Amino acid sequence: MPRLTSDFFVSALTRRVFNAGGFAAVMRKGAAEAGAVFLVFRGRDGLGQLVGPAPQSGYGEEGGSGRRFSVVAEGLDDEALARRIEREARFDGDVWFVELDTATPAEELVEIVAA
């Protein structure tokens, strides 16, 4: 089963967040077809949790066609987040960053596995 394009995945995720009464913003738009997607979840303290594509080991032997994520960093302030975005963009120019502000727990929006 083919995987959804990054553009379609981000569009569907942001729509889901808006429908649940939250807010979503694309901070950096990457390649429409297959850019890596990173998600920023903000806590009430203003600090962000960054989740990114799960390593290959996060898919196990069954593989799977869905996107899986793992926690990359926690407790990021705006400056630390900006540095992380810049660093990832230098490494991969096709990368996406999407900020989500929602009461829905991250685990209910996307599949998060241990790194």
PDB file of N, CA and C in Angstrom:
ATOM      1  N   MET A   1       0.852  -1.181   0.000  1.00  0.00           N
ATOM      2  CA  MET A   1       0.000   0.000   0.000  1.00  0.00           C
ATOM      3  C   MET A   1       0.893   1.237   0.000  1.00  0.00           C
ATOM      4  N   PRO A   2       0.684   2.156  -0.925  1.00  0.00           N
ATOM      5  CA  PRO A   2       1.525   3.343  -0.986  1.00  0.00           C
ATOM      6  C   PRO A   2       1.248   4.301   0.177  1.00  0.00           C
ATOM      7  N   ARG A   3       2.285   5.030   0.539  1.00  0.00           N
ATOM      8  CA  ARG A   3       2.165   5.996   1.624  1.00  0.00           C
ATOM      9  C   ARG A   3       1.633   7.316   1.070  1.00  0.00           C
ATOM     10  N   LEU A   4       0.874   8.036   1.893  1.00  0.00           N
ATOM     11  CA  LEU A   4       0.360   9.345   1.499  1.00  0.00           C
ATOM     12  C   LEU A   4       1.515  10.301   1.242  1.00  0.00           C
ATOM     13  N   THR A   5       1.340  11.220   0.313  1.00  0.00           N
ATOM     14  CA  THR A   5       2.363  12.232   0.096  1.00  0.00           C
ATOM     15  C   THR A   5       2.437  13.126   1.332  1.00  0.00           C
ATOM     16  N   SER A   6       3.566  13.764   1.520  1.00  0.00           N
ATOM     17  CA  SER A   6       3.743  14.650   2.678  1.00  0.00           C
ATOM     18  C   SER A   6       2.726  15.774   2.656  1.00  0.00           C
ATOM     19  N   ASP A   7       2.503  16.347   1.495  1.00  0.00           N
ATOM     20  CA  ASP A   7       1.550  17.439   1.347  1.00  0.00           C
ATOM     21  C   ASP A   7       0.148  17.012   1.771  1.00  0.00           C
ATOM     22  N   PHE A   8      -0.277  15.850   1.333  1.00  0.00           N
ATOM     23  CA  PHE A   8      -1.600  15.340   1.674  1.00  0.00           C
ATOM     24  C   PHE A   8      -1.688  15.026   3.166  1.00  0.00           C
ATOM     25  N   PHE A   9      -0.641  14.395   3.713  1.00  0.00           N
ATOM     26  CA  PHE A   9      -0.615  14.061   5.132  1.00  0.00           C
ATOM     27  C   PHE A   9      -0.739  15.315   5.993  1.00  0.00           C
ATOM     28  N   VAL A  10       0.054  16.342   5.686  1.00  0.00           N
ATOM     29  CA  VAL A  10       0.017  17.589   6.465  1.00  0.00           C
ATOM     30  C   VAL A  10      -1.347  18.259   6.333  1.00  0.00           C
ATOM     31  N   SER A  11      -1.884  18.268   5.143  1.00  0.00           N
ATOM     32  CA  SER A  11      -3.196  18.872   4.917  1.00  0.00           C
ATOM     33  C   SER A  11      -4.278  18.155   5.734  1.00  0.00           C
ATOM     34  N   ALA A  12      -4.269  16.840   5.717  1.00  0.00           N
ATOM     35  CA  ALA A  12      -5.265  16.069   6.468  1.00  0.00           C
ATOM     36  C   ALA A  12      -5.093  16.261   7.973  1.00  0.00           C
ATOM     37  N   LEU A  13      -3.841  16.274   8.438  1.00  0.00           N
ATOM     38  CA  LEU A  13      -3.585  16.452   9.865  1.00  0.00           C
ATOM     39  C   LEU A  13      -4.034  17.830  10.340  1.00  0.00           C
ATOM     40  N   THR A  14      -3.710  18.878   9.593  1.00  0.00           N
ATOM     41  CA  THR A  14      -4.111  20.225  10.008  1.00  0.00           C
ATOM     42  C   THR A  14      -5.632  20.373   9.995  1.00  0.00           C
ATOM     43  N   ARG A  15      -6.271  19.774   9.022  1.00  0.00           N
ATOM     44  CA  ARG A  15      -7.739  19.826   8.973  1.00  0.00           C
ATOM     45  C   ARG A  15      -8.337  19.122  10.187  1.00  0.00           C
ATOM     46  N   ARG A  16      -7.751  17.993  10.553  1.00  0.00           N
ATOM     47  CA  ARG A  16      -8.233  17.241  11.722  1.00  0.00           C
ATOM     48  C   ARG A  16      -8.093  18.074  12.995  1.00  0.00           C
ATOM     49  N   VAL A  17      -6.968  18.762  13.134  1.00  0.00           N
ATOM     50  CA  VAL A  17      -6.733  19.605  14.315  1.00  0.00           C
ATOM     51  C   VAL A  17      -7.724  20.762  14.344  1.00  0.00           C
ATOM     52  N   PHE A  18      -7.927  21.437  13.219  1.00  0.00           N
ATOM     53  CA  PHE A  18      -8.888  22.543  13.160  1.00  0.00           C
ATOM     54  C   PHE A  18     -10.303  22.055  13.476  1.00  0.00           C
ATOM     55  N   ASN A  19     -10.680  20.885  12.957  1.00  0.00           N
ATOM     56  CA  ASN A  19     -12.016  20.341  13.223  1.00  0.00           C
ATOM     57  C   ASN A  19     -12.222  20.022  14.697  1.00  0.00           C
ATOM     58  N   ALA A  20     -11.132  19.745  15.412  1.00  0.00           N
ATOM     59  CA  ALA A  20     -11.214  19.451  16.843  1.00  0.00           C
ATOM     60  C   ALA A  20     -11.116  20.723  17.684  1.00  0.00           C
ATOM     61  N   GLY A  21     -11.096  21.893  17.035  1.00  0.00           N
ATOM     62  CA  GLY A  21     -11.053  23.160  17.756  1.00  0.00           C
ATOM     63  C   GLY A  21      -9.662  23.653  18.078  1.00  0.00           C
ATOM     64  N   GLY A  22      -8.645  23.022  17.500  1.00  0.00           N
ATOM     65  CA  GLY A  22      -7.266  23.435  17.732  1.00  0.00           C
ATOM     66  C   GLY A  22      -6.756  24.347  16.638  1.00  0.00           C
ATOM     67  N   PHE A  23      -5.462  24.544  16.653  1.00  0.00           N
ATOM     68  CA  PHE A  23      -4.809  25.397  15.669  1.00  0.00           C
ATOM     69  C   PHE A  23      -3.596  24.660  15.120  1.00  0.00           C
ATOM     70  N   ALA A  24      -3.346  24.818  13.829  1.00  0.00           N
ATOM     71  CA  ALA A  24      -2.177  24.214  13.193  1.00  0.00           C
ATOM     72  C   ALA A  24      -1.577  25.219  12.223  1.00  0.00           C
ATOM     73  N   ALA A  25      -0.256  25.255  12.168  1.00  0.00           N
ATOM     74  CA  ALA A  25       0.426  26.160  11.258  1.00  0.00           C
ATOM     75  C   ALA A  25       1.634  25.453  10.644  1.00  0.00           C
ATOM     76  N   VAL A  26       1.758  25.574   9.342  1.00  0.00           N
ATOM     77  CA  VAL A  26       2.935  25.051   8.661  1.00  0.00           C
ATOM     78  C   VAL A  26       4.039  26.084   8.843  1.00  0.00           C
ATOM     79  N   MET A  27       5.067  25.708   9.594  1.00  0.00           N
ATOM     80  CA  MET A  27       6.181  26.604   9.880  1.00  0.00           C
ATOM     81  C   MET A  27       7.203  26.596   8.739  1.00  0.00           C
ATOM     82  N   ARG A  28       7.342  25.453   8.097  1.00  0.00           N
ATOM     83  CA  ARG A  28       8.256  25.304   6.971  1.00  0.00           C
ATOM     84  C   ARG A  28       7.671  24.245   6.057  1.00  0.00           C
ATOM     85  N   LYS A  29       7.469  24.623   4.815  1.00  0.00           N
ATOM     86  CA  LYS A  29       6.894  23.696   3.833  1.00  0.00           C
ATOM     87  C   LYS A  29       8.022  23.015   3.076  1.00  0.00           C
ATOM     88  N   GLY A  30       7.954  21.693   3.022  1.00  0.00           N
ATOM     89  CA  GLY A  30       8.975  20.912   2.340  1.00  0.00           C
ATOM     90  C   GLY A  30       8.470  20.359   1.024  1.00  0.00           C
ATOM     91  N   ALA A  31       9.116  19.300   0.575  1.00  0.00           N
ATOM     92  CA  ALA A  31       8.749  18.661  -0.686  1.00  0.00           C
ATOM     93  C   ALA A  31       7.360  18.041  -0.576  1.00  0.00           C
ATOM     94  N   ALA A  32       6.537  18.292  -1.576  1.00  0.00           N
ATOM     95  CA  ALA A  32       5.154  17.823  -1.556  1.00  0.00           C
ATOM     96  C   ALA A  32       5.055  16.305  -1.574  1.00  0.00           C
ATOM     97  N   GLU A  33       5.931  15.649  -2.291  1.00  0.00           N
ATOM     98  CA  GLU A  33       5.822  14.204  -2.452  1.00  0.00           C
ATOM     99  C   GLU A  33       6.328  13.406  -1.258  1.00  0.00           C
ATOM    100  N   ALA A  34       7.545  13.682  -0.813  1.00  0.00           N
ATOM    101  CA  ALA A  34       8.149  12.781   0.174  1.00  0.00           C
ATOM    102  C   ALA A  34       9.022  13.486   1.201  1.00  0.00           C
ATOM    103  N   GLY A  35       8.759  14.736   1.498  1.00  0.00           N
ATOM    104  CA  GLY A  35       9.543  15.432   2.511  1.00  0.00           C
ATOM    105  C   GLY A  35       9.270  14.876   3.899  1.00  0.00           C
ATOM    106  N   ALA A  36      10.313  14.795   4.726  1.00  0.00           N
ATOM    107  CA  ALA A  36      10.140  14.354   6.110  1.00  0.00           C
ATOM    108  C   ALA A  36       9.277  15.372   6.848  1.00  0.00           C
ATOM    109  N   VAL A  37       8.416  14.892   7.736  1.00  0.00           N
ATOM    110  CA  VAL A  37       7.501  15.768   8.471  1.00  0.00           C
ATOM    111  C   VAL A  37       7.856  15.730   9.959  1.00  0.00           C
ATOM    112  N   PHE A  38       8.098  16.913  10.523  1.00  0.00           N
ATOM    113  CA  PHE A  38       8.315  17.072  11.953  1.00  0.00           C
ATOM    114  C   PHE A  38       7.129  17.841  12.512  1.00  0.00           C
ATOM    115  N   LEU A  39       6.682  17.460  13.710  1.00  0.00           N
ATOM    116  CA  LEU A  39       5.544  18.107  14.346  1.00  0.00           C
ATOM    117  C   LEU A  39       5.975  18.711  15.671  1.00  0.00           C
ATOM    118  N   VAL A  40       5.486  19.928  15.941  1.00  0.00           N
ATOM    119  CA  VAL A  40       5.768  20.625  17.197  1.00  0.00           C
ATOM    120  C   VAL A  40       4.463  20.713  17.974  1.00  0.00           C
ATOM    121  N   PHE A  41       4.478  20.158  19.172  1.00  0.00           N
ATOM    122  CA  PHE A  41       3.320  20.249  20.068  1.00  0.00           C
ATOM    123  C   PHE A  41       3.709  21.191  21.197  1.00  0.00           C
ATOM    124  N   ARG A  42       2.927  22.246  21.407  1.00  0.00           N
ATOM    125  CA  ARG A  42       3.197  23.224  22.467  1.00  0.00           C
ATOM    126  C   ARG A  42       2.441  22.872  23.728  1.00  0.00           C
ATOM    127  N   GLY A  43       3.128  22.988  24.845  1.00  0.00           N
ATOM    128  CA  GLY A  43       2.492  22.797  26.138  1.00  0.00           C
ATOM    129  C   GLY A  43       1.964  24.121  26.662  1.00  0.00           C
ATOM    130  N   ARG A  44       1.270  24.084  27.750  1.00  0.00           N
ATOM    131  CA  ARG A  44       0.736  25.315  28.360  1.00  0.00           C
ATOM    132  C   ARG A  44       1.849  26.254  28.802  1.00  0.00           C
ATOM    133  N   ASP A  45       3.036  25.694  29.056  1.00  0.00           N
ATOM    134  CA  ASP A  45       4.179  26.513  29.468  1.00  0.00           C
ATOM    135  C   ASP A  45       4.869  27.187  28.286  1.00  0.00           C
ATOM    136  N   GLY A  46       4.391  26.936  27.065  1.00  0.00           N
ATOM    137  CA  GLY A  46       4.969  27.539  25.875  1.00  0.00           C
ATOM    138  C   GLY A  46       6.125  26.760  25.282  1.00  0.00           C
ATOM    139  N   LEU A  47       6.574  25.736  25.988  1.00  0.00           N
ATOM    140  CA  LEU A  47       7.683  24.928  25.490  1.00  0.00           C
ATOM    141  C   LEU A  47       7.160  23.868  24.533  1.00  0.00           C
ATOM    142  N   GLY A  48       7.995  23.519  23.569  1.00  0.00           N
ATOM    143  CA  GLY A  48       7.557  22.590  22.544  1.00  0.00           C
ATOM    144  C   GLY A  48       8.155  21.208  22.658  1.00  0.00           C
ATOM    145  N   GLN A  49       7.368  20.239  22.239  1.00  0.00           N
ATOM    146  CA  GLN A  49       7.829  18.874  22.075  1.00  0.00           C
ATOM    147  C   GLN A  49       7.924  18.644  20.577  1.00  0.00           C
ATOM    148  N   LEU A  50       9.064  18.161  20.118  1.00  0.00           N
ATOM    149  CA  LEU A  50       9.282  17.924  18.699  1.00  0.00           C
ATOM    150  C   LEU A  50       9.261  16.430  18.441  1.00  0.00           C
ATOM    151  N   VAL A  51       8.400  16.021  17.513  1.00  0.00           N
ATOM    152  CA  VAL A  51       8.388  14.631  17.075  1.00  0.00           C
ATOM    153  C   VAL A  51       8.735  14.606  15.600  1.00  0.00           C
ATOM    154  N   GLY A  52       9.466  13.588  15.214  1.00  0.00           N
ATOM    155  CA  GLY A  52       9.889  13.466  13.824  1.00  0.00           C
ATOM    156  C   GLY A  52       9.721  12.046  13.341  1.00  0.00           C
ATOM    157  N   PRO A  53      10.100  11.807  12.101  1.00  0.00           N
ATOM    158  CA  PRO A  53       9.947  10.467  11.542  1.00  0.00           C
ATOM    159  C   PRO A  53      10.642   9.423  12.418  1.00  0.00           C
ATOM    160  N   ALA A  54       9.941   8.338  12.683  1.00  0.00           N
ATOM    161  CA  ALA A  54      10.511   7.257  13.487  1.00  0.00           C
ATOM    162  C   ALA A  54      11.630   6.584  12.704  1.00  0.00           C
ATOM    163  N   PRO A  55      12.649   6.128  13.426  1.00  0.00           N
ATOM    164  CA  PRO A  55      13.697   5.370  12.736  1.00  0.00           C
ATOM    165  C   PRO A  55      13.116   4.081  12.167  1.00  0.00           C
ATOM    166  N   GLN A  56      13.832   3.484  11.242  1.00  0.00           N
ATOM    167  CA  GLN A  56      13.354   2.263  10.602  1.00  0.00           C
ATOM    168  C   GLN A  56      13.004   1.187  11.627  1.00  0.00           C
ATOM    169  N   SER A  57      13.726   1.161  12.750  1.00  0.00           N
ATOM    170  CA  SER A  57      13.452   0.170  13.795  1.00  0.00           C
ATOM    171  C   SER A  57      12.070   0.365  14.419  1.00  0.00           C
ATOM    172  N   GLY A  58      11.487   1.564  14.273  1.00  0.00           N
ATOM    173  CA  GLY A  58      10.161   1.847  14.809  1.00  0.00           C
ATOM    174  C   GLY A  58       9.043   1.179  14.032  1.00  0.00           C
ATOM    175  N   TYR A  59       9.385   0.590  12.890  1.00  0.00           N
ATOM    176  CA  TYR A  59       8.378  -0.064  12.062  1.00  0.00           C
ATOM    177  C   TYR A  59       8.325  -1.561  12.290  1.00  0.00           C
ATOM    178  N   GLY A  60       9.313  -2.121  12.964  1.00  0.00           N
ATOM    179  CA  GLY A  60       9.308  -3.546  13.255  1.00  0.00           C
ATOM    180  C   GLY A  60       9.351  -4.379  11.990  1.00  0.00           C
ATOM    181  N   GLU A  61       9.094  -5.647  12.137  1.00  0.00           N
ATOM    182  CA  GLU A  61       9.162  -6.564  11.001  1.00  0.00           C
ATOM    183  C   GLU A  61       7.956  -6.455  10.081  1.00  0.00           C
ATOM    184  N   GLU A  62       6.832  -5.990  10.619  1.00  0.00           N
ATOM    185  CA  GLU A  62       5.624  -5.906   9.799  1.00  0.00           C
ATOM    186  C   GLU A  62       5.666  -4.760   8.810  1.00  0.00           C
ATOM    187  N   GLY A  63       6.646  -3.859   8.959  1.00  0.00           N
ATOM    188  CA  GLY A  63       6.744  -2.727   8.038  1.00  0.00           C
ATOM    189  C   GLY A  63       5.603  -1.772   8.257  1.00  0.00           C
ATOM    190  N   GLY A  64       4.733  -1.660   7.307  1.00  0.00           N
ATOM    191  CA  GLY A  64       3.585  -0.774   7.437  1.00  0.00           C
ATOM    192  C   GLY A  64       3.695   0.386   6.473  1.00  0.00           C
ATOM    193  N   SER A  65       2.569   0.923   6.113  1.00  0.00           N
ATOM    194  CA  SER A  65       2.562   2.003   5.136  1.00  0.00           C
ATOM    195  C   SER A  65       2.254   3.355   5.766  1.00  0.00           C
ATOM    196  N   GLY A  66       1.840   3.367   7.042  1.00  0.00           N
ATOM    197  CA  GLY A  66       1.512   4.622   7.693  1.00  0.00           C
ATOM    198  C   GLY A  66       2.748   5.333   8.214  1.00  0.00           C
ATOM    199  N   ARG A  67       2.614   6.593   8.511  1.00  0.00           N
ATOM    200  CA  ARG A  67       3.720   7.363   9.081  1.00  0.00           C
ATOM    201  C   ARG A  67       3.764   7.137  10.577  1.00  0.00           C
ATOM    202  N   ARG A  68       4.948   6.908  11.072  1.00  0.00           N
ATOM    203  CA  ARG A  68       5.168   6.761  12.498  1.00  0.00           C
ATOM    204  C   ARG A  68       6.180   7.803  12.926  1.00  0.00           C
ATOM    205  N   PHE A  69       6.023   8.262  14.153  1.00  0.00           N
ATOM    206  CA  PHE A  69       6.869   9.325  14.677  1.00  0.00           C
ATOM    207  C   PHE A  69       7.506   8.886  15.989  1.00  0.00           C
ATOM    208  N   SER A  70       8.576   9.549  16.358  1.00  0.00           N
ATOM    209  CA  SER A  70       9.177   9.359  17.675  1.00  0.00           C
ATOM    210  C   SER A  70       9.564  10.731  18.211  1.00  0.00           C
ATOM    211  N   VAL A  71       9.634  10.827  19.531  1.00  0.00           N
ATOM    212  CA  VAL A  71       9.986  12.092  20.168  1.00  0.00           C
ATOM    213  C   VAL A  71      11.463  12.386  19.889  1.00  0.00           C
ATOM    214  N   VAL A  72      11.721  13.580  19.363  1.00  0.00           N
ATOM    215  CA  VAL A  72      13.077  14.001  19.021  1.00  0.00           C
ATOM    216  C   VAL A  72      13.650  14.888  20.125  1.00  0.00           C
ATOM    217  N   ALA A  73      12.831  15.799  20.635  1.00  0.00           N
ATOM    218  CA  ALA A  73      13.283  16.730  21.680  1.00  0.00           C
ATOM    219  C   ALA A  73      12.074  17.227  22.454  1.00  0.00           C
ATOM    220  N   GLU A  74      12.313  17.593  23.711  1.00  0.00           N
ATOM    221  CA  GLU A  74      11.251  18.136  24.561  1.00  0.00           C
ATOM    222  C   GLU A  74      11.760  19.382  25.265  1.00  0.00           C
ATOM    223  N   GLY A  75      10.833  20.232  25.690  1.00  0.00           N
ATOM    224  CA  GLY A  75      11.198  21.436  26.430  1.00  0.00           C
ATOM    225  C   GLY A  75      11.886  22.488  25.585  1.00  0.00           C
ATOM    226  N   LEU A  76      11.543  22.572  24.306  1.00  0.00           N
ATOM    227  CA  LEU A  76      12.172  23.540  23.407  1.00  0.00           C
ATOM    228  C   LEU A  76      11.494  24.905  23.510  1.00  0.00           C
ATOM    229  N   ASP A  77      12.305  25.946  23.746  1.00  0.00           N
ATOM    230  CA  ASP A  77      11.759  27.296  23.665  1.00  0.00           C
ATOM    231  C   ASP A  77      11.844  27.739  22.207  1.00  0.00           C
ATOM    232  N   ASP A  78      11.365  28.944  21.902  1.00  0.00           N
ATOM    233  CA  ASP A  78      11.329  29.419  20.514  1.00  0.00           C
ATOM    234  C   ASP A  78      12.711  29.442  19.868  1.00  0.00           C
ATOM    235  N   GLU A  79      13.715  29.867  20.625  1.00  0.00           N
ATOM    236  CA  GLU A  79      15.069  29.954  20.085  1.00  0.00           C
ATOM    237  C   GLU A  79      15.633  28.563  19.769  1.00  0.00           C
ATOM    238  N   ALA A  80      15.465  27.642  20.676  1.00  0.00           N
ATOM    239  CA  ALA A  80      15.957  26.276  20.459  1.00  0.00           C
ATOM    240  C   ALA A  80      15.232  25.622  19.286  1.00  0.00           C
ATOM    241  N   LEU A  81      13.943  25.888  19.163  1.00  0.00           N
ATOM    242  CA  LEU A  81      13.168  25.336  18.054  1.00  0.00           C
ATOM    243  C   LEU A  81      13.654  25.919  16.726  1.00  0.00           C
ATOM    244  N   ALA A  82      13.885  27.215  16.678  1.00  0.00           N
ATOM    245  CA  ALA A  82      14.374  27.852  15.453  1.00  0.00           C
ATOM    246  C   ALA A  82      15.725  27.260  15.036  1.00  0.00           C
ATOM    247  N   ARG A  83      16.612  27.022  16.018  1.00  0.00           N
ATOM    248  CA  ARG A  83      17.913  26.411  15.705  1.00  0.00           C
ATOM    249  C   ARG A  83      17.734  24.999  15.160  1.00  0.00           C
ATOM    250  N   ARG A  84      16.803  24.256  15.740  1.00  0.00           N
ATOM    251  CA  ARG A  84      16.564  22.879  15.291  1.00  0.00           C
ATOM    252  C   ARG A  84      16.014  22.852  13.871  1.00  0.00           C
ATOM    253  N   ILE A  85      15.083  23.760  13.572  1.00  0.00           N
ATOM    254  CA  ILE A  85      14.526  23.842  12.219  1.00  0.00           C
ATOM    255  C   ILE A  85      15.632  24.168  11.223  1.00  0.00           C
ATOM    256  N   GLU A  86      16.466  25.134  11.565  1.00  0.00           N
ATOM    257  CA  GLU A  86      17.570  25.529  10.684  1.00  0.00           C
ATOM    258  C   GLU A  86      18.519  24.358  10.441  1.00  0.00           C
ATOM    259  N   ARG A  87      18.850  23.636  11.509  1.00  0.00           N
ATOM    260  CA  ARG A  87      19.762  22.500  11.382  1.00  0.00           C
ATOM    261  C   ARG A  87      19.167  21.395  10.506  1.00  0.00           C
ATOM    262  N   GLU A  88      17.904  21.064  10.723  1.00  0.00           N
ATOM    263  CA  GLU A  88      17.259  20.017   9.922  1.00  0.00           C
ATOM    264  C   GLU A  88      17.143  20.442   8.457  1.00  0.00           C
ATOM    265  N   ALA A  89      16.856  21.729   8.215  1.00  0.00           N
ATOM    266  CA  ALA A  89      16.713  22.229   6.849  1.00  0.00           C
ATOM    267  C   ALA A  89      18.045  22.199   6.102  1.00  0.00           C
ATOM    268  N   ARG A  90      19.146  22.430   6.829  1.00  0.00           N
ATOM    269  CA  ARG A  90      20.467  22.323   6.187  1.00  0.00           C
ATOM    270  C   ARG A  90      20.758  20.877   5.792  1.00  0.00           C
ATOM    271  N   PHE A  91      20.337  19.951   6.635  1.00  0.00           N
ATOM    272  CA  PHE A  91      20.557  18.526   6.383  1.00  0.00           C
ATOM    273  C   PHE A  91      19.643  18.012   5.272  1.00  0.00           C
ATOM    274  N   ASP A  92      18.378  18.465   5.275  1.00  0.00           N
ATOM    275  CA  ASP A  92      17.378  17.993   4.317  1.00  0.00           C
ATOM    276  C   ASP A  92      16.490  19.165   3.912  1.00  0.00           C
ATOM    277  N   GLY A  93      16.702  19.688   2.734  1.00  0.00           N
ATOM    278  CA  GLY A  93      15.951  20.840   2.249  1.00  0.00           C
ATOM    279  C   GLY A  93      14.479  20.559   1.991  1.00  0.00           C
ATOM    280  N   ASP A  94      14.084  19.295   2.018  1.00  0.00           N
ATOM    281  CA  ASP A  94      12.703  18.911   1.731  1.00  0.00           C
ATOM    282  C   ASP A  94      11.839  18.768   2.980  1.00  0.00           C
ATOM    283  N   VAL A  95      12.376  19.094   4.142  1.00  0.00           N
ATOM    284  CA  VAL A  95      11.721  18.833   5.422  1.00  0.00           C
ATOM    285  C   VAL A  95      10.560  19.793   5.689  1.00  0.00           C
ATOM    286  N   TRP A  96       9.539  19.284   6.361  1.00  0.00           N
ATOM    287  CA  TRP A  96       8.373  20.051   6.798  1.00  0.00           C
ATOM    288  C   TRP A  96       8.432  20.230   8.312  1.00  0.00           C
ATOM    289  N   PHE A  97       7.937  21.365   8.806  1.00  0.00           N
ATOM    290  CA  PHE A  97       7.720  21.577  10.236  1.00  0.00           C
ATOM    291  C   PHE A  97       6.311  22.126  10.405  1.00  0.00           C
ATOM    292  N   VAL A  98       5.527  21.459  11.239  1.00  0.00           N
ATOM    293  CA  VAL A  98       4.133  21.844  11.464  1.00  0.00           C
ATOM    294  C   VAL A  98       3.919  21.982  12.962  1.00  0.00           C
ATOM    295  N   GLU A  99       3.410  23.139  13.386  1.00  0.00           N
ATOM    296  CA  GLU A  99       3.114  23.353  14.799  1.00  0.00           C
ATOM    297  C   GLU A  99       1.639  23.100  15.046  1.00  0.00           C
ATOM    298  N   LEU A 100       1.354  22.339  16.103  1.00  0.00           N
ATOM    299  CA  LEU A 100      -0.013  21.983  16.447  1.00  0.00           C
ATOM    300  C   LEU A 100      -0.312  22.441  17.864  1.00  0.00           C
ATOM    301  N   ASP A 101      -1.408  23.147  18.019  1.00  0.00           N
ATOM    302  CA  ASP A 101      -1.870  23.591  19.334  1.00  0.00           C
ATOM    303  C   ASP A 101      -3.276  23.036  19.498  1.00  0.00           C
ATOM    304  N   THR A 102      -3.366  21.967  20.252  1.00  0.00           N
ATOM    305  CA  THR A 102      -4.634  21.265  20.369  1.00  0.00           C
ATOM    306  C   THR A 102      -4.746  20.581  21.722  1.00  0.00           C
ATOM    307  N   ALA A 103      -5.970  20.393  22.172  1.00  0.00           N
ATOM    308  CA  ALA A 103      -6.205  19.673  23.423  1.00  0.00           C
ATOM    309  C   ALA A 103      -6.097  18.167  23.195  1.00  0.00           C
ATOM    310  N   THR A 104      -6.120  17.751  21.940  1.00  0.00           N
ATOM    311  CA  THR A 104      -6.005  16.335  21.604  1.00  0.00           C
ATOM    312  C   THR A 104      -4.564  15.883  21.833  1.00  0.00           C
ATOM    313  N   PRO A 105      -4.355  14.834  22.605  1.00  0.00           N
ATOM    314  CA  PRO A 105      -2.986  14.353  22.840  1.00  0.00           C
ATOM    315  C   PRO A 105      -2.308  13.932  21.533  1.00  0.00           C
ATOM    316  N   ALA A 106      -1.006  14.156  21.473  1.00  0.00           N
ATOM    317  CA  ALA A 106      -0.231  13.825  20.279  1.00  0.00           C
ATOM    318  C   ALA A 106      -0.457  12.378  19.846  1.00  0.00           C
ATOM    319  N   GLU A 107      -0.523  11.478  20.812  1.00  0.00           N
ATOM    320  CA  GLU A 107      -0.672  10.058  20.521  1.00  0.00           C
ATOM    321  C   GLU A 107      -1.999   9.721  19.838  1.00  0.00           C
ATOM    322  N   GLU A 108      -2.984  10.605  19.970  1.00  0.00           N
ATOM    323  CA  GLU A 108      -4.260  10.388  19.304  1.00  0.00           C
ATOM    324  C   GLU A 108      -4.272  10.946  17.887  1.00  0.00           C
ATOM    325  N   LEU A 109      -3.329  11.825  17.583  1.00  0.00           N
ATOM    326  CA  LEU A 109      -3.249  12.409  16.254  1.00  0.00           C
ATOM    327  C   LEU A 109      -2.343  11.627  15.318  1.00  0.00           C
ATOM    328  N   VAL A 110      -1.226  11.150  15.846  1.00  0.00           N
ATOM    329  CA  VAL A 110      -0.261  10.406  15.049  1.00  0.00           C
ATOM    330  C   VAL A 110       0.252   9.226  15.870  1.00  0.00           C
ATOM    331  N   GLU A 111       0.806   8.256  15.182  1.00  0.00           N
ATOM    332  CA  GLU A 111       1.378   7.103  15.880  1.00  0.00           C
ATOM    333  C   GLU A 111       2.792   7.435  16.336  1.00  0.00           C
ATOM    334  N   ILE A 112       3.008   7.392  17.647  1.00  0.00           N
ATOM    335  CA  ILE A 112       4.324   7.705  18.220  1.00  0.00           C
ATOM    336  C   ILE A 112       4.893   6.416  18.805  1.00  0.00           C
ATOM    337  N   VAL A 113       6.116   6.087  18.369  1.00  0.00           N
ATOM    338  CA  VAL A 113       6.796   4.888  18.841  1.00  0.00           C
ATOM    339  C   VAL A 113       8.093   5.296  19.539  1.00  0.00           C
ATOM    340  N   ALA A 114       8.636   4.407  20.341  1.00  0.00           N
ATOM    341  CA  ALA A 114       9.914   4.673  21.022  1.00  0.00           C
ATOM    342  C   ALA A 114      11.030   4.736  19.985  1.00  0.00           C
ATOM    343  N   ALA A 115      11.964   5.621  20.225  1.00  0.00           N
ATOM    344  CA  ALA A 115      13.088   5.780  19.286  1.00  0.00           C
ATOM    345  C   ALA A 115      14.074   4.649  19.422  1.00  0.00           C
TER     346      ALA A 115
END
